[in-house]
Amino acid sequence: MADDDPYELLDQGQPTGIVELPPEWIRDDAPYFNFLRFSALRPYTPPSAVEEIFRAEFDAAWEEGGLFLLTMHPHIIGHRSRIGLLDRLVRHIRDRGDAWFATHEAVARHVKAAAGS
């Protein structure tokens, strides 16, 4: 979580070959939808609000030419009331035209190639 975009880790100024794909809580479904099981507190964020946050995060990354990395948990996002937001988000991203949907490995290879290592 040291940056918004991926980067190669350095050791004493030298490339290590290890690429960090930084996650961030704002792009993770768990903080919005998880319940505190053993607490009377039951926080809840409506799917529409999470969709708005994820769209804003994508749009900002798009404008900066950066990475938009979501962390999704099937047992969290996969509920009926929530999965639609993911479908709409993917359509929003695809509507931008040339967004690259890639595996973590492909992104890491791209970052390493761009860094020349």
PDB file of N, CA and C in Angstrom:
ATOM      1  N   MET A   1       0.819  -1.202   0.000  1.00  0.00           N
ATOM      2  CA  MET A   1       0.000   0.000   0.000  1.00  0.00           C
ATOM      3  C   MET A   1       0.858   1.259   0.000  1.00  0.00           C
ATOM      4  N   ALA A   2       2.027   1.157  -0.607  1.00  0.00           N
ATOM      5  CA  ALA A   2       2.961   2.277  -0.591  1.00  0.00           C
ATOM      6  C   ALA A   2       2.747   3.252  -1.750  1.00  0.00           C
ATOM      7  N   ASP A   3       1.865   2.917  -2.683  1.00  0.00           N
ATOM      8  CA  ASP A   3       1.670   3.771  -3.845  1.00  0.00           C
ATOM      9  C   ASP A   3       0.332   3.408  -4.476  1.00  0.00           C
ATOM     10  N   ASP A   4      -0.099   4.191  -5.454  1.00  0.00           N
ATOM     11  CA  ASP A   4      -1.304   3.848  -6.206  1.00  0.00           C
ATOM     12  C   ASP A   4      -0.983   2.950  -7.390  1.00  0.00           C
ATOM     13  N   ASP A   5       0.220   3.037  -7.892  1.00  0.00           N
ATOM     14  CA  ASP A   5       0.612   2.312  -9.090  1.00  0.00           C
ATOM     15  C   ASP A   5       1.706   1.296  -8.785  1.00  0.00           C
ATOM     16  N   PRO A   6       1.827   0.272  -9.630  1.00  0.00           N
ATOM     17  CA  PRO A   6       2.832  -0.766  -9.390  1.00  0.00           C
ATOM     18  C   PRO A   6       4.246  -0.235  -9.581  1.00  0.00           C
ATOM     19  N   TYR A   7       5.185  -0.887  -8.906  1.00  0.00           N
ATOM     20  CA  TYR A   7       6.582  -0.476  -8.987  1.00  0.00           C
ATOM     21  C   TYR A   7       7.461  -1.665  -8.642  1.00  0.00           C
ATOM     22  N   GLU A   8       8.683  -1.637  -9.147  1.00  0.00           N
ATOM     23  CA  GLU A   8       9.640  -2.679  -8.818  1.00  0.00           C
ATOM     24  C   GLU A   8      10.365  -2.302  -7.533  1.00  0.00           C
ATOM     25  N   LEU A   9      10.453  -3.250  -6.626  1.00  0.00           N
ATOM     26  CA  LEU A   9      11.165  -3.025  -5.374  1.00  0.00           C
ATOM     27  C   LEU A   9      12.658  -2.946  -5.633  1.00  0.00           C
ATOM     28  N   LEU A  10      13.301  -2.041  -4.947  1.00  0.00           N
ATOM     29  CA  LEU A  10      14.746  -1.875  -5.055  1.00  0.00           C
ATOM     30  C   LEU A  10      15.395  -2.301  -3.746  1.00  0.00           C
ATOM     31  N   ASP A  11      16.588  -2.821  -3.849  1.00  0.00           N
ATOM     32  CA  ASP A  11      17.396  -3.148  -2.677  1.00  0.00           C
ATOM     33  C   ASP A  11      18.719  -2.425  -2.831  1.00  0.00           C
ATOM     34  N   GLN A  12      18.943  -1.434  -1.993  1.00  0.00           N
ATOM     35  CA  GLN A  12      20.142  -0.600  -2.071  1.00  0.00           C
ATOM     36  C   GLN A  12      20.302  -0.014  -3.460  1.00  0.00           C
ATOM     37  N   GLY A  13      19.159   0.431  -4.022  1.00  0.00           N
ATOM     38  CA  GLY A  13      19.152   1.073  -5.323  1.00  0.00           C
ATOM     39  C   GLY A  13      19.160   0.141  -6.512  1.00  0.00           C
ATOM     40  N   GLN A  14      19.189  -1.159  -6.269  1.00  0.00           N
ATOM     41  CA  GLN A  14      19.236  -2.138  -7.355  1.00  0.00           C
ATOM     42  C   GLN A  14      17.886  -2.848  -7.504  1.00  0.00           C
ATOM     43  N   PRO A  15      17.462  -3.087  -8.758  1.00  0.00           N
ATOM     44  CA  PRO A  15      16.200  -3.803  -8.974  1.00  0.00           C
ATOM     45  C   PRO A  15      16.247  -5.208  -8.376  1.00  0.00           C
ATOM     46  N   THR A  16      15.145  -5.625  -7.790  1.00  0.00           N
ATOM     47  CA  THR A  16      15.083  -6.962  -7.183  1.00  0.00           C
ATOM     48  C   THR A  16      14.359  -7.972  -8.061  1.00  0.00           C
ATOM     49  N   GLY A  17      13.627  -7.480  -9.068  1.00  0.00           N
ATOM     50  CA  GLY A  17      12.806  -8.378  -9.866  1.00  0.00           C
ATOM     51  C   GLY A  17      11.431  -8.596  -9.248  1.00  0.00           C
ATOM     52  N   ILE A  18      11.199  -8.016  -8.087  1.00  0.00           N
ATOM     53  CA  ILE A  18       9.912  -8.153  -7.404  1.00  0.00           C
ATOM     54  C   ILE A  18       9.084  -6.902  -7.667  1.00  0.00           C
ATOM     55  N   VAL A  19       7.899  -7.099  -8.187  1.00  0.00           N
ATOM     56  CA  VAL A  19       7.015  -5.977  -8.496  1.00  0.00           C
ATOM     57  C   VAL A  19       5.879  -5.954  -7.483  1.00  0.00           C
ATOM     58  N   GLU A  20       5.674  -4.806  -6.890  1.00  0.00           N
ATOM     59  CA  GLU A  20       4.567  -4.604  -5.952  1.00  0.00           C
ATOM     60  C   GLU A  20       3.353  -4.116  -6.731  1.00  0.00           C
ATOM     61  N   LEU A  21       2.248  -4.840  -6.618  1.00  0.00           N
ATOM     62  CA  LEU A  21       0.964  -4.387  -7.141  1.00  0.00           C
ATOM     63  C   LEU A  21       0.172  -3.937  -5.915  1.00  0.00           C
ATOM     64  N   PRO A  22       0.249  -2.669  -5.583  1.00  0.00           N
ATOM     65  CA  PRO A  22      -0.255  -2.212  -4.292  1.00  0.00           C
ATOM     66  C   PRO A  22      -1.777  -2.281  -4.158  1.00  0.00           C
ATOM     67  N   PRO A  23      -2.251  -3.036  -3.185  1.00  0.00           N
ATOM     68  CA  PRO A  23      -3.685  -3.004  -2.893  1.00  0.00           C
ATOM     69  C   PRO A  23      -4.006  -1.757  -2.084  1.00  0.00           C
ATOM     70  N   GLU A  24      -5.262  -1.488  -1.933  1.00  0.00           N
ATOM     71  CA  GLU A  24      -5.685  -0.342  -1.116  1.00  0.00           C
ATOM     72  C   GLU A  24      -7.087  -0.635  -0.607  1.00  0.00           C
ATOM     73  N   TRP A  25      -7.334  -0.322   0.642  1.00  0.00           N
ATOM     74  CA  TRP A  25      -8.625  -0.630   1.251  1.00  0.00           C
ATOM     75  C   TRP A  25      -9.788   0.018   0.514  1.00  0.00           C
ATOM     76  N   ILE A  26      -9.581   1.177  -0.097  1.00  0.00           N
ATOM     77  CA  ILE A  26     -10.684   1.859  -0.781  1.00  0.00           C
ATOM     78  C   ILE A  26     -11.145   1.085  -2.014  1.00  0.00           C
ATOM     79  N   ARG A  27     -10.279   0.212  -2.549  1.00  0.00           N
ATOM     80  CA  ARG A  27     -10.631  -0.598  -3.717  1.00  0.00           C
ATOM     81  C   ARG A  27     -10.834  -2.069  -3.345  1.00  0.00           C
ATOM     82  N   ASP A  28     -11.273  -2.320  -2.136  1.00  0.00           N
ATOM     83  CA  ASP A  28     -11.500  -3.674  -1.623  1.00  0.00           C
ATOM     84  C   ASP A  28     -12.954  -3.755  -1.173  1.00  0.00           C
ATOM     85  N   ASP A  29     -13.644  -4.828  -1.539  1.00  0.00           N
ATOM     86  CA  ASP A  29     -15.054  -4.939  -1.165  1.00  0.00           C
ATOM     87  C   ASP A  29     -15.279  -5.207   0.324  1.00  0.00           C
ATOM     88  N   ALA A  30     -14.329  -5.825   0.993  1.00  0.00           N
ATOM     89  CA  ALA A  30     -14.520  -6.243   2.385  1.00  0.00           C
ATOM     90  C   ALA A  30     -14.812  -5.094   3.357  1.00  0.00           C
ATOM     91  N   PRO A  31     -14.076  -3.990   3.329  1.00  0.00           N
ATOM     92  CA  PRO A  31     -14.361  -2.934   4.313  1.00  0.00           C
ATOM     93  C   PRO A  31     -15.781  -2.364   4.204  1.00  0.00           C
ATOM     94  N   TYR A  32     -16.359  -2.418   3.017  1.00  0.00           N
ATOM     95  CA  TYR A  32     -17.687  -1.851   2.819  1.00  0.00           C
ATOM     96  C   TYR A  32     -18.812  -2.799   3.225  1.00  0.00           C
ATOM     97  N   PHE A  33     -18.571  -4.110   3.044  1.00  0.00           N
ATOM     98  CA  PHE A  33     -19.662  -5.065   3.193  1.00  0.00           C
ATOM     99  C   PHE A  33     -19.515  -6.045   4.346  1.00  0.00           C
ATOM    100  N   ASN A  34     -18.347  -6.178   4.908  1.00  0.00           N
ATOM    101  CA  ASN A  34     -18.162  -7.137   5.997  1.00  0.00           C
ATOM    102  C   ASN A  34     -18.889  -6.670   7.249  1.00  0.00           C
ATOM    103  N   PHE A  35     -19.438  -7.614   7.946  1.00  0.00           N
ATOM    104  CA  PHE A  35     -20.036  -7.341   9.251  1.00  0.00           C
ATOM    105  C   PHE A  35     -19.033  -7.702  10.325  1.00  0.00           C
ATOM    106  N   LEU A  36     -19.138  -7.059  11.456  1.00  0.00           N
ATOM    107  CA  LEU A  36     -18.342  -7.422  12.619  1.00  0.00           C
ATOM    108  C   LEU A  36     -19.123  -8.517  13.335  1.00  0.00           C
ATOM    109  N   ARG A  37     -18.730  -9.776  13.101  1.00  0.00           N
ATOM    110  CA  ARG A  37     -19.518 -10.934  13.542  1.00  0.00           C
ATOM    111  C   ARG A  37     -19.867 -10.937  15.017  1.00  0.00           C
ATOM    112  N   PHE A  38     -18.939 -10.636  15.858  1.00  0.00           N
ATOM    113  CA  PHE A  38     -19.160 -10.769  17.292  1.00  0.00           C
ATOM    114  C   PHE A  38     -19.383  -9.414  17.960  1.00  0.00           C
ATOM    115  N   SER A  39     -20.054  -8.559  17.244  1.00  0.00           N
ATOM    116  CA  SER A  39     -20.315  -7.212  17.743  1.00  0.00           C
ATOM    117  C   SER A  39     -21.775  -6.873  17.475  1.00  0.00           C
ATOM    118  N   ALA A  40     -22.320  -6.013  18.279  1.00  0.00           N
ATOM    119  CA  ALA A  40     -23.676  -5.518  18.017  1.00  0.00           C
ATOM    120  C   ALA A  40     -23.671  -4.528  16.860  1.00  0.00           C
ATOM    121  N   LEU A  41     -22.503  -4.005  16.525  1.00  0.00           N
ATOM    122  CA  LEU A  41     -22.364  -3.052  15.433  1.00  0.00           C
ATOM    123  C   LEU A  41     -22.446  -3.787  14.100  1.00  0.00           C
ATOM    124  N   ARG A  42     -23.337  -3.370  13.243  1.00  0.00           N
ATOM    125  CA  ARG A  42     -23.497  -3.981  11.927  1.00  0.00           C
ATOM    126  C   ARG A  42     -23.385  -2.903  10.852  1.00  0.00           C
ATOM    127  N   PRO A  43     -22.157  -2.452  10.571  1.00  0.00           N
ATOM    128  CA  PRO A  43     -22.013  -1.403   9.549  1.00  0.00           C
ATOM    129  C   PRO A  43     -22.445  -1.940   8.185  1.00  0.00           C
ATOM    130  N   TYR A  44     -22.989  -1.089   7.373  1.00  0.00           N
ATOM    131  CA  TYR A  44     -23.437  -1.504   6.052  1.00  0.00           C
ATOM    132  C   TYR A  44     -23.300  -0.334   5.093  1.00  0.00           C
ATOM    133  N   THR A  45     -22.687  -0.595   3.969  1.00  0.00           N
ATOM    134  CA  THR A  45     -22.588   0.399   2.917  1.00  0.00           C
ATOM    135  C   THR A  45     -23.442  -0.095   1.759  1.00  0.00           C
ATOM    136  N   PRO A  46     -24.354   0.684   1.268  1.00  0.00           N
ATOM    137  CA  PRO A  46     -25.184   0.232   0.153  1.00  0.00           C
ATOM    138  C   PRO A  46     -24.338  -0.009  -1.094  1.00  0.00           C
ATOM    139  N   PRO A  47     -24.690  -1.026  -1.888  1.00  0.00           N
ATOM    140  CA  PRO A  47     -23.936  -1.307  -3.115  1.00  0.00           C
ATOM    141  C   PRO A  47     -23.804  -0.088  -4.029  1.00  0.00           C
ATOM    142  N   SER A  48     -24.818   0.752  -4.082  1.00  0.00           N
ATOM    143  CA  SER A  48     -24.747   1.938  -4.953  1.00  0.00           C
ATOM    144  C   SER A  48     -23.622   2.873  -4.519  1.00  0.00           C
ATOM    145  N   ALA A  49     -23.388   2.989  -3.220  1.00  0.00           N
ATOM    146  CA  ALA A  49     -22.298   3.838  -2.730  1.00  0.00           C
ATOM    147  C   ALA A  49     -20.941   3.236  -3.061  1.00  0.00           C
ATOM    148  N   VAL A  50     -20.827   1.914  -2.928  1.00  0.00           N
ATOM    149  CA  VAL A  50     -19.565   1.240  -3.257  1.00  0.00           C
ATOM    150  C   VAL A  50     -19.290   1.367  -4.755  1.00  0.00           C
ATOM    151  N   GLU A  51     -20.324   1.213  -5.561  1.00  0.00           N
ATOM    152  CA  GLU A  51     -20.171   1.385  -7.012  1.00  0.00           C
ATOM    153  C   GLU A  51     -19.680   2.791  -7.340  1.00  0.00           C
ATOM    154  N   GLU A  52     -20.221   3.779  -6.683  1.00  0.00           N
ATOM    155  CA  GLU A  52     -19.793   5.163  -6.903  1.00  0.00           C
ATOM    156  C   GLU A  52     -18.319   5.344  -6.535  1.00  0.00           C
ATOM    157  N   ILE A  53     -17.901   4.758  -5.432  1.00  0.00           N
ATOM    158  CA  ILE A  53     -16.502   4.851  -5.003  1.00  0.00           C
ATOM    159  C   ILE A  53     -15.593   4.158  -6.008  1.00  0.00           C
ATOM    160  N   PHE A  54     -15.946   2.936  -6.404  1.00  0.00           N
ATOM    161  CA  PHE A  54     -15.120   2.182  -7.346  1.00  0.00           C
ATOM    162  C   PHE A  54     -15.031   2.895  -8.694  1.00  0.00           C
ATOM    163  N   ARG A  55     -16.134   3.455  -9.163  1.00  0.00           N
ATOM    164  CA  ARG A  55     -16.108   4.204 -10.430  1.00  0.00           C
ATOM    165  C   ARG A  55     -15.185   5.415 -10.326  1.00  0.00           C
ATOM    166  N   ALA A  56     -15.289   6.138  -9.227  1.00  0.00           N
ATOM    167  CA  ALA A  56     -14.436   7.309  -9.045  1.00  0.00           C
ATOM    168  C   ALA A  56     -12.972   6.911  -8.993  1.00  0.00           C
ATOM    169  N   GLU A  57     -12.675   5.803  -8.334  1.00  0.00           N
ATOM    170  CA  GLU A  57     -11.295   5.310  -8.283  1.00  0.00           C
ATOM    171  C   GLU A  57     -10.806   4.926  -9.672  1.00  0.00           C
ATOM    172  N   PHE A  58     -11.641   4.214 -10.435  1.00  0.00           N
ATOM    173  CA  PHE A  58     -11.247   3.861 -11.803  1.00  0.00           C
ATOM    174  C   PHE A  58     -11.046   5.104 -12.654  1.00  0.00           C
ATOM    175  N   ASP A  59     -12.012   6.025 -12.620  1.00  0.00           N
ATOM    176  CA  ASP A  59     -11.929   7.223 -13.462  1.00  0.00           C
ATOM    177  C   ASP A  59     -10.659   8.019 -13.164  1.00  0.00           C
ATOM    178  N   ALA A  60     -10.300   8.128 -11.894  1.00  0.00           N
ATOM    179  CA  ALA A  60      -9.077   8.857 -11.536  1.00  0.00           C
ATOM    180  C   ALA A  60      -7.842   8.118 -12.038  1.00  0.00           C
ATOM    181  N   ALA A  61      -7.817   6.796 -11.882  1.00  0.00           N
ATOM    182  CA  ALA A  61      -6.684   6.007 -12.392  1.00  0.00           C
ATOM    183  C   ALA A  61      -6.597   6.139 -13.913  1.00  0.00           C
ATOM    184  N   TRP A  62      -7.733   6.118 -14.576  1.00  0.00           N
ATOM    185  CA  TRP A  62      -7.778   6.264 -16.040  1.00  0.00           C
ATOM    186  C   TRP A  62      -7.177   7.603 -16.458  1.00  0.00           C
ATOM    187  N   GLU A  63      -7.590   8.668 -15.796  1.00  0.00           N
ATOM    188  CA  GLU A  63      -7.087  10.003 -16.126  1.00  0.00           C
ATOM    189  C   GLU A  63      -5.578  10.102 -15.927  1.00  0.00           C
ATOM    190  N   GLU A  64      -5.065   9.404 -14.932  1.00  0.00           N
ATOM    191  CA  GLU A  64      -3.630   9.429 -14.638  1.00  0.00           C
ATOM    192  C   GLU A  64      -2.845   8.388 -15.440  1.00  0.00           C
ATOM    193  N   GLY A  65      -3.541   7.527 -16.170  1.00  0.00           N
ATOM    194  CA  GLY A  65      -2.865   6.444 -16.885  1.00  0.00           C
ATOM    195  C   GLY A  65      -2.304   5.403 -15.933  1.00  0.00           C
ATOM    196  N   GLY A  66      -2.987   5.208 -14.809  1.00  0.00           N
ATOM    197  CA  GLY A  66      -2.483   4.314 -13.764  1.00  0.00           C
ATOM    198  C   GLY A  66      -3.249   3.018 -13.643  1.00  0.00           C
ATOM    199  N   LEU A  67      -2.902   2.285 -12.615  1.00  0.00           N
ATOM    200  CA  LEU A  67      -3.488   0.974 -12.342  1.00  0.00           C
ATOM    201  C   LEU A  67      -4.752   1.116 -11.504  1.00  0.00           C
ATOM    202  N   PHE A  68      -5.761   0.354 -11.859  1.00  0.00           N
ATOM    203  CA  PHE A  68      -6.980   0.222 -11.059  1.00  0.00           C
ATOM    204  C   PHE A  68      -7.056  -1.235 -10.639  1.00  0.00           C
ATOM    205  N   LEU A  69      -6.720  -1.497  -9.399  1.00  0.00           N
ATOM    206  CA  LEU A  69      -6.651  -2.866  -8.890  1.00  0.00           C
ATOM    207  C   LEU A  69      -7.717  -3.059  -7.827  1.00  0.00           C
ATOM    208  N   LEU A  70      -8.706  -3.888  -8.145  1.00  0.00           N
ATOM    209  CA  LEU A  70      -9.760  -4.216  -7.189  1.00  0.00           C
ATOM    210  C   LEU A  70      -9.393  -5.485  -6.433  1.00  0.00           C
ATOM    211  N   THR A  71      -9.819  -5.545  -5.190  1.00  0.00           N
ATOM    212  CA  THR A  71      -9.734  -6.777  -4.422  1.00  0.00           C
ATOM    213  C   THR A  71     -11.162  -7.215  -4.142  1.00  0.00           C
ATOM    214  N   MET A  72     -11.524  -8.350  -4.703  1.00  0.00           N
ATOM    215  CA  MET A  72     -12.888  -8.866  -4.585  1.00  0.00           C
ATOM    216  C   MET A  72     -12.856 -10.233  -3.909  1.00  0.00           C
ATOM    217  N   HIS A  73     -13.801 -10.453  -3.023  1.00  0.00           N
ATOM    218  CA  HIS A  73     -13.947 -11.723  -2.327  1.00  0.00           C
ATOM    219  C   HIS A  73     -15.284 -12.335  -2.758  1.00  0.00           C
ATOM    220  N   PRO A  74     -15.282 -13.527  -3.360  1.00  0.00           N
ATOM    221  CA  PRO A  74     -16.537 -14.106  -3.869  1.00  0.00           C
ATOM    222  C   PRO A  74     -17.648 -14.179  -2.815  1.00  0.00           C
ATOM    223  N   HIS A  75     -17.294 -14.451  -1.583  1.00  0.00           N
ATOM    224  CA  HIS A  75     -18.313 -14.575  -0.537  1.00  0.00           C
ATOM    225  C   HIS A  75     -18.816 -13.216  -0.056  1.00  0.00           C
ATOM    226  N   ILE A  76     -18.200 -12.159  -0.521  1.00  0.00           N
ATOM    227  CA  ILE A  76     -18.638 -10.808  -0.141  1.00  0.00           C
ATOM    228  C   ILE A  76     -19.347 -10.134  -1.310  1.00  0.00           C
ATOM    229  N   ILE A  77     -18.683 -10.025  -2.448  1.00  0.00           N
ATOM    230  CA  ILE A  77     -19.261  -9.337  -3.603  1.00  0.00           C
ATOM    231  C   ILE A  77     -20.311 -10.201  -4.302  1.00  0.00           C
ATOM    232  N   GLY A  78     -20.270 -11.515  -4.081  1.00  0.00           N
ATOM    233  CA  GLY A  78     -21.103 -12.445  -4.829  1.00  0.00           C
ATOM    234  C   GLY A  78     -22.563 -12.504  -4.449  1.00  0.00           C
ATOM    235  N   HIS A  79     -23.012 -11.699  -3.521  1.00  0.00           N
ATOM    236  CA  HIS A  79     -24.431 -11.703  -3.153  1.00  0.00           C
ATOM    237  C   HIS A  79     -25.261 -10.953  -4.192  1.00  0.00           C
ATOM    238  N   ARG A  80     -26.511 -11.340  -4.295  1.00  0.00           N
ATOM    239  CA  ARG A  80     -27.413 -10.770  -5.322  1.00  0.00           C
ATOM    240  C   ARG A  80     -27.430  -9.253  -5.335  1.00  0.00           C
ATOM    241  N   SER A  81     -27.459  -8.668  -4.175  1.00  0.00           N
ATOM    242  CA  SER A  81     -27.577  -7.206  -4.120  1.00  0.00           C
ATOM    243  C   SER A  81     -26.274  -6.503  -4.486  1.00  0.00           C
ATOM    244  N   ARG A  82     -25.185  -7.259  -4.558  1.00  0.00           N
ATOM    245  CA  ARG A  82     -23.863  -6.646  -4.772  1.00  0.00           C
ATOM    246  C   ARG A  82     -23.246  -6.954  -6.128  1.00  0.00           C
ATOM    247  N   ILE A  83     -23.504  -8.132  -6.670  1.00  0.00           N
ATOM    248  CA  ILE A  83     -22.815  -8.558  -7.892  1.00  0.00           C
ATOM    249  C   ILE A  83     -23.150  -7.646  -9.066  1.00  0.00           C
ATOM    250  N   GLY A  84     -24.332  -7.055  -9.060  1.00  0.00           N
ATOM    251  CA  GLY A  84     -24.709  -6.141 -10.143  1.00  0.00           C
ATOM    252  C   GLY A  84     -23.785  -4.945 -10.238  1.00  0.00           C
ATOM    253  N   LEU A  85     -23.297  -4.462  -9.101  1.00  0.00           N
ATOM    254  CA  LEU A  85     -22.393  -3.306  -9.144  1.00  0.00           C
ATOM    255  C   LEU A  85     -21.108  -3.671  -9.865  1.00  0.00           C
ATOM    256  N   LEU A  86     -20.640  -4.899  -9.679  1.00  0.00           N
ATOM    257  CA  LEU A  86     -19.422  -5.325 -10.360  1.00  0.00           C
ATOM    258  C   LEU A  86     -19.657  -5.420 -11.870  1.00  0.00           C
ATOM    259  N   ASP A  87     -20.798  -5.947 -12.267  1.00  0.00           N
ATOM    260  CA  ASP A  87     -21.135  -6.031 -13.680  1.00  0.00           C
ATOM    261  C   ASP A  87     -21.199  -4.638 -14.305  1.00  0.00           C
ATOM    262  N   ARG A  88     -21.860  -3.711 -13.629  1.00  0.00           N
ATOM    263  CA  ARG A  88     -21.957  -2.339 -14.156  1.00  0.00           C
ATOM    264  C   ARG A  88     -20.590  -1.662 -14.200  1.00  0.00           C
ATOM    265  N   LEU A  89     -19.749  -1.932 -13.206  1.00  0.00           N
ATOM    266  CA  LEU A  89     -18.406  -1.356 -13.177  1.00  0.00           C
ATOM    267  C   LEU A  89     -17.576  -1.860 -14.356  1.00  0.00           C
ATOM    268  N   VAL A  90     -17.639  -3.160 -14.624  1.00  0.00           N
ATOM    269  CA  VAL A  90     -16.891  -3.722 -15.759  1.00  0.00           C
ATOM    270  C   VAL A  90     -17.385  -3.103 -17.063  1.00  0.00           C
ATOM    271  N   ARG A  91     -18.685  -2.950 -17.216  1.00  0.00           N
ATOM    272  CA  ARG A  91     -19.212  -2.306 -18.430  1.00  0.00           C
ATOM    273  C   ARG A  91     -18.729  -0.861 -18.540  1.00  0.00           C
ATOM    274  N   HIS A  92     -18.699  -0.145 -17.418  1.00  0.00           N
ATOM    275  CA  HIS A  92     -18.196   1.242 -17.402  1.00  0.00           C
ATOM    276  C   HIS A  92     -16.735   1.281 -17.858  1.00  0.00           C
ATOM    277  N   ILE A  93     -15.941   0.359 -17.362  1.00  0.00           N
ATOM    278  CA  ILE A  93     -14.521   0.304 -17.731  1.00  0.00           C
ATOM    279  C   ILE A  93     -14.368  -0.030 -19.213  1.00  0.00           C
ATOM    280  N   ARG A  94     -15.117  -1.019 -19.673  1.00  0.00           N
ATOM    281  CA  ARG A  94     -15.032  -1.395 -21.092  1.00  0.00           C
ATOM    282  C   ARG A  94     -15.489  -0.272 -22.012  1.00  0.00           C
ATOM    283  N   ASP A  95     -16.457   0.508 -21.565  1.00  0.00           N
ATOM    284  CA  ASP A  95     -16.956   1.617 -22.375  1.00  0.00           C
ATOM    285  C   ASP A  95     -15.901   2.693 -22.609  1.00  0.00           C
ATOM    286  N   ARG A  96     -14.844   2.711 -21.810  1.00  0.00           N
ATOM    287  CA  ARG A  96     -13.746   3.661 -22.008  1.00  0.00           C
ATOM    288  C   ARG A  96     -12.967   3.349 -23.279  1.00  0.00           C
ATOM    289  N   GLY A  97     -13.087   2.112 -23.775  1.00  0.00           N
ATOM    290  CA  GLY A  97     -12.471   1.790 -25.050  1.00  0.00           C
ATOM    291  C   GLY A  97     -11.275   0.886 -24.984  1.00  0.00           C
ATOM    292  N   ASP A  98     -10.190   1.355 -24.418  1.00  0.00           N
ATOM    293  CA  ASP A  98      -8.972   0.553 -24.505  1.00  0.00           C
ATOM    294  C   ASP A  98      -8.382   0.223 -23.132  1.00  0.00           C
ATOM    295  N   ALA A  99      -9.235  -0.001 -22.156  1.00  0.00           N
ATOM    296  CA  ALA A  99      -8.737  -0.436 -20.847  1.00  0.00           C
ATOM    297  C   ALA A  99      -8.155  -1.838 -20.992  1.00  0.00           C
ATOM    298  N   TRP A 100      -7.104  -2.096 -20.276  1.00  0.00           N
ATOM    299  CA  TRP A 100      -6.417  -3.384 -20.331  1.00  0.00           C
ATOM    300  C   TRP A 100      -6.816  -4.186 -19.100  1.00  0.00           C
ATOM    301  N   PHE A 101      -7.545  -5.277 -19.324  1.00  0.00           N
ATOM    302  CA  PHE A 101      -7.877  -6.217 -18.256  1.00  0.00           C
ATOM    303  C   PHE A 101      -6.759  -7.248 -18.251  1.00  0.00           C
ATOM    304  N   ALA A 102      -6.002  -7.315 -17.172  1.00  0.00           N
ATOM    305  CA  ALA A 102      -4.802  -8.155 -17.161  1.00  0.00           C
ATOM    306  C   ALA A 102      -4.679  -8.922 -15.857  1.00  0.00           C
ATOM    307  N   THR A 103      -3.925 -10.005 -15.925  1.00  0.00           N
ATOM    308  CA  THR A 103      -3.595 -10.747 -14.713  1.00  0.00           C
ATOM    309  C   THR A 103      -2.517  -9.983 -13.951  1.00  0.00           C
ATOM    310  N   HIS A 104      -2.342 -10.333 -12.701  1.00  0.00           N
ATOM    311  CA  HIS A 104      -1.265  -9.719 -11.924  1.00  0.00           C
ATOM    312  C   HIS A 104       0.082 -10.000 -12.577  1.00  0.00           C
ATOM    313  N   GLU A 105       0.259 -11.214 -13.070  1.00  0.00           N
ATOM    314  CA  GLU A 105       1.528 -11.560 -13.717  1.00  0.00           C
ATOM    315  C   GLU A 105       1.795 -10.668 -14.929  1.00  0.00           C
ATOM    316  N   ALA A 106       0.776 -10.451 -15.746  1.00  0.00           N
ATOM    317  CA  ALA A 106       0.958  -9.611 -16.931  1.00  0.00           C
ATOM    318  C   ALA A 106       1.308  -8.178 -16.538  1.00  0.00           C
ATOM    319  N   VAL A 107       0.669  -7.659 -15.515  1.00  0.00           N
ATOM    320  CA  VAL A 107       0.984  -6.299 -15.055  1.00  0.00           C
ATOM    321  C   VAL A 107       2.418  -6.244 -14.541  1.00  0.00           C
ATOM    322  N   ALA A 108       2.826  -7.231 -13.757  1.00  0.00           N
ATOM    323  CA  ALA A 108       4.195  -7.263 -13.227  1.00  0.00           C
ATOM    324  C   ALA A 108       5.217  -7.317 -14.361  1.00  0.00           C
ATOM    325  N   ARG A 109       4.954  -8.118 -15.366  1.00  0.00           N
ATOM    326  CA  ARG A 109       5.875  -8.183 -16.516  1.00  0.00           C
ATOM    327  C   ARG A 109       5.946  -6.836 -17.232  1.00  0.00           C
ATOM    328  N   HIS A 110       4.815  -6.186 -17.374  1.00  0.00           N
ATOM    329  CA  HIS A 110       4.776  -4.874 -18.023  1.00  0.00           C
ATOM    330  C   HIS A 110       5.594  -3.855 -17.232  1.00  0.00           C
ATOM    331  N   VAL A 111       5.440  -3.853 -15.912  1.00  0.00           N
ATOM    332  CA  VAL A 111       6.170  -2.912 -15.071  1.00  0.00           C
ATOM    333  C   VAL A 111       7.676  -3.177 -15.176  1.00  0.00           C
ATOM    334  N   LYS A 112       8.075  -4.432 -15.133  1.00  0.00           N
ATOM    335  CA  LYS A 112       9.493  -4.770 -15.235  1.00  0.00           C
ATOM    336  C   LYS A 112      10.065  -4.368 -16.593  1.00  0.00           C
ATOM    337  N   ALA A 113       9.300  -4.599 -17.652  1.00  0.00           N
ATOM    338  CA  ALA A 113       9.762  -4.227 -18.990  1.00  0.00           C
ATOM    339  C   ALA A 113       9.903  -2.710 -19.108  1.00  0.00           C
ATOM    340  N   ALA A 114       8.960  -1.981 -18.545  1.00  0.00           N
ATOM    341  CA  ALA A 114       9.004  -0.515 -18.603  1.00  0.00           C
ATOM    342  C   ALA A 114      10.184   0.021 -17.799  1.00  0.00           C
ATOM    343  N   ALA A 115      10.562  -0.700 -16.738  1.00  0.00           N
ATOM    344  CA  ALA A 115      11.691  -0.276 -15.901  1.00  0.00           C
ATOM    345  C   ALA A 115      13.026  -0.699 -16.511  1.00  0.00           C
ATOM    346  N   GLY A 116      12.949  -1.544 -17.541  1.00  0.00           N
ATOM    347  CA  GLY A 116      14.172  -1.984 -18.205  1.00  0.00           C
ATOM    348  C   GLY A 116      14.897  -3.094 -17.451  1.00  0.00           C
ATOM    349  N   SER A 117      14.187  -3.811 -16.583  1.00  0.00           N
ATOM    350  CA  SER A 117      14.872  -4.905 -15.865  1.00  0.00           C
ATOM    351  C   SER A 117      14.352  -6.255 -16.271  1.00  0.00           C
TER     352      SER A 117
END
